[in-house]
Each structure stands twice: as structure tokens, then as C-alpha cells.
């Protein structure tokens, strides 16, 4: 069953562009991962410091592979996460 992840990344004041740049670099290789079914980030213009990511993987192992990937290490852990004021994640299993 597909494994769904939602994430909310809130940038520290003045760090919005750093996070946006990281997401723009992270998205293409994430979409190319063998177990990735959908990967979309979005930003509400009314809340420019808040970035939301909606991700769907073939299974939980595919999500784990994403978290262990070189591109996530570089652009997630190496660039975006250090300048976040908050990071929330939720995990879901699809039905049917």
C-alpha cells in the first residue's frame, strides 16, 4: 500500500530563500527515486515562511530510502533543516 508523508517546514525569519532554494534542488531527484509516486512542495503567499510538502511512496521502505538519499542529505539536512524554526511530519497508510 502506498505510504503518504506530509511535512511542514517553517523557515527562520530571513531564511525563506535558503529553504526555497533547497526545495527546488531537492524536488527533481526526489521525483526520480524508484519508490516515489508523488512529490510536491507548495507555499502559501500569505505565509511565505511556511513550506508544505506532500509525498507519496510505494511503501515505507521507499520513504526510508528517500531519507537516506544523497540529495536529501545535501539539500534537506545540509541546507534547509539547519535554518528551520520548525519541522513537522505526519505519516499515513492509504486505504483500499
Protein backbone atom coordinates (compact mmCIF):
# COMPACT_ATOMS: atom_id res chain seq x y z
CA UNK A 1 0.00 0.00 0.00
CA UNK A 2 1.29 3.49 -0.76
CA UNK A 3 2.82 5.41 2.14
CA UNK A 4 1.94 9.09 2.46
CA UNK A 5 4.04 11.74 4.18
CA UNK A 6 3.16 15.35 4.83
CA UNK A 7 5.76 17.76 6.10
CA UNK A 8 5.66 21.39 7.19
CA UNK A 9 8.91 23.29 7.17
CA UNK A 10 8.87 26.76 8.75
CA UNK A 11 11.88 28.89 7.90
CA UNK A 12 13.58 31.08 10.45
CA UNK A 13 12.97 34.79 9.76
CA UNK A 14 15.01 35.88 6.75
CA UNK A 15 15.84 32.29 5.70
CA UNK A 16 12.89 31.71 3.35
CA UNK A 17 15.02 31.89 0.20
CA UNK A 18 17.50 29.35 1.58
CA UNK A 19 14.67 26.88 2.20
CA UNK A 20 13.03 27.60 -1.16
CA UNK A 21 16.34 27.03 -2.96
CA UNK A 22 16.84 23.72 -1.12
CA UNK A 23 13.34 22.52 -2.02
CA UNK A 24 13.83 23.48 -5.67
CA UNK A 25 17.05 21.43 -5.76
CA UNK A 26 15.58 18.54 -3.77
CA UNK A 27 12.41 18.08 -5.82
CA UNK A 28 13.71 16.76 -9.18
CA UNK A 29 15.89 13.94 -7.80
CA UNK A 30 13.20 13.04 -5.25
CA UNK A 31 10.66 12.60 -8.04
CA UNK A 32 13.11 10.29 -9.84
CA UNK A 33 13.50 7.88 -6.91
CA UNK A 34 12.27 4.39 -7.85
CA UNK A 35 9.77 4.24 -4.97
CA UNK A 36 8.44 7.78 -5.30
CA UNK A 37 4.89 8.07 -6.63
CA UNK A 38 4.32 11.80 -5.99
CA UNK A 39 6.36 14.66 -4.56
CA UNK A 40 5.03 18.21 -4.41
CA UNK A 41 6.06 21.18 -2.32
CA UNK A 42 3.97 24.31 -2.02
CA UNK A 43 3.99 27.67 -0.27
CA UNK A 44 1.11 29.90 0.75
CA UNK A 45 1.80 33.50 -0.32
CA UNK A 46 0.11 34.65 2.91
CA UNK A 47 2.65 32.60 4.93
CA UNK A 48 5.93 32.88 2.97
CA UNK A 49 7.98 31.28 5.75
CA UNK A 50 5.87 28.08 5.71
CA UNK A 51 6.59 25.36 3.17
CA UNK A 52 4.45 22.25 2.90
CA UNK A 53 5.48 19.01 1.23
CA UNK A 54 3.14 16.22 0.14
CA UNK A 55 4.88 12.95 -0.67
CA UNK A 56 3.63 9.52 -1.72
CA UNK A 57 5.88 6.47 -1.81
CA UNK A 58 5.32 2.89 -2.90
CA UNK A 59 5.84 1.79 0.72
CA UNK A 60 7.55 2.80 3.95
CA UNK A 61 10.88 1.36 2.74
CA UNK A 62 10.80 3.73 -0.25
CA UNK A 63 10.32 6.65 2.14
CA UNK A 64 13.26 5.43 4.23
CA UNK A 65 15.37 5.29 1.06
CA UNK A 66 14.41 8.91 0.32
CA UNK A 67 15.56 9.96 3.80
CA UNK A 68 18.87 8.14 3.27
CA UNK A 69 19.49 9.57 -0.21
CA UNK A 70 22.45 11.77 -1.09
CA UNK A 71 20.19 14.55 -2.36
CA UNK A 72 18.22 14.65 0.90
CA UNK A 73 21.46 14.69 2.89
CA UNK A 74 22.74 17.60 0.81
CA UNK A 75 19.64 19.76 0.36
CA UNK A 76 17.46 18.65 3.27
CA UNK A 77 19.83 18.04 6.17
CA UNK A 78 22.65 20.14 4.76
CA UNK A 79 20.79 23.24 3.60
CA UNK A 80 17.14 23.59 4.63
CA UNK A 81 16.80 21.87 8.00
CA UNK A 82 19.56 23.89 9.73
CA UNK A 83 17.63 27.14 9.05
CA UNK A 84 14.18 25.92 10.05
CA UNK A 85 12.33 27.31 13.04
CA UNK A 86 10.03 24.29 12.94
CA UNK A 87 9.68 20.93 11.22
CA UNK A 88 6.60 18.74 11.47
CA UNK A 89 5.91 15.42 9.77
CA UNK A 90 2.89 13.15 9.64
CA UNK A 91 2.75 9.63 8.20
CA UNK A 92 -0.23 7.82 6.71
CA UNK A 93 -1.09 4.49 5.16
CA UNK A 94 -3.56 4.55 2.29
CA UNK A 95 -6.83 2.65 2.47
CA UNK A 96 -8.18 0.27 -0.10
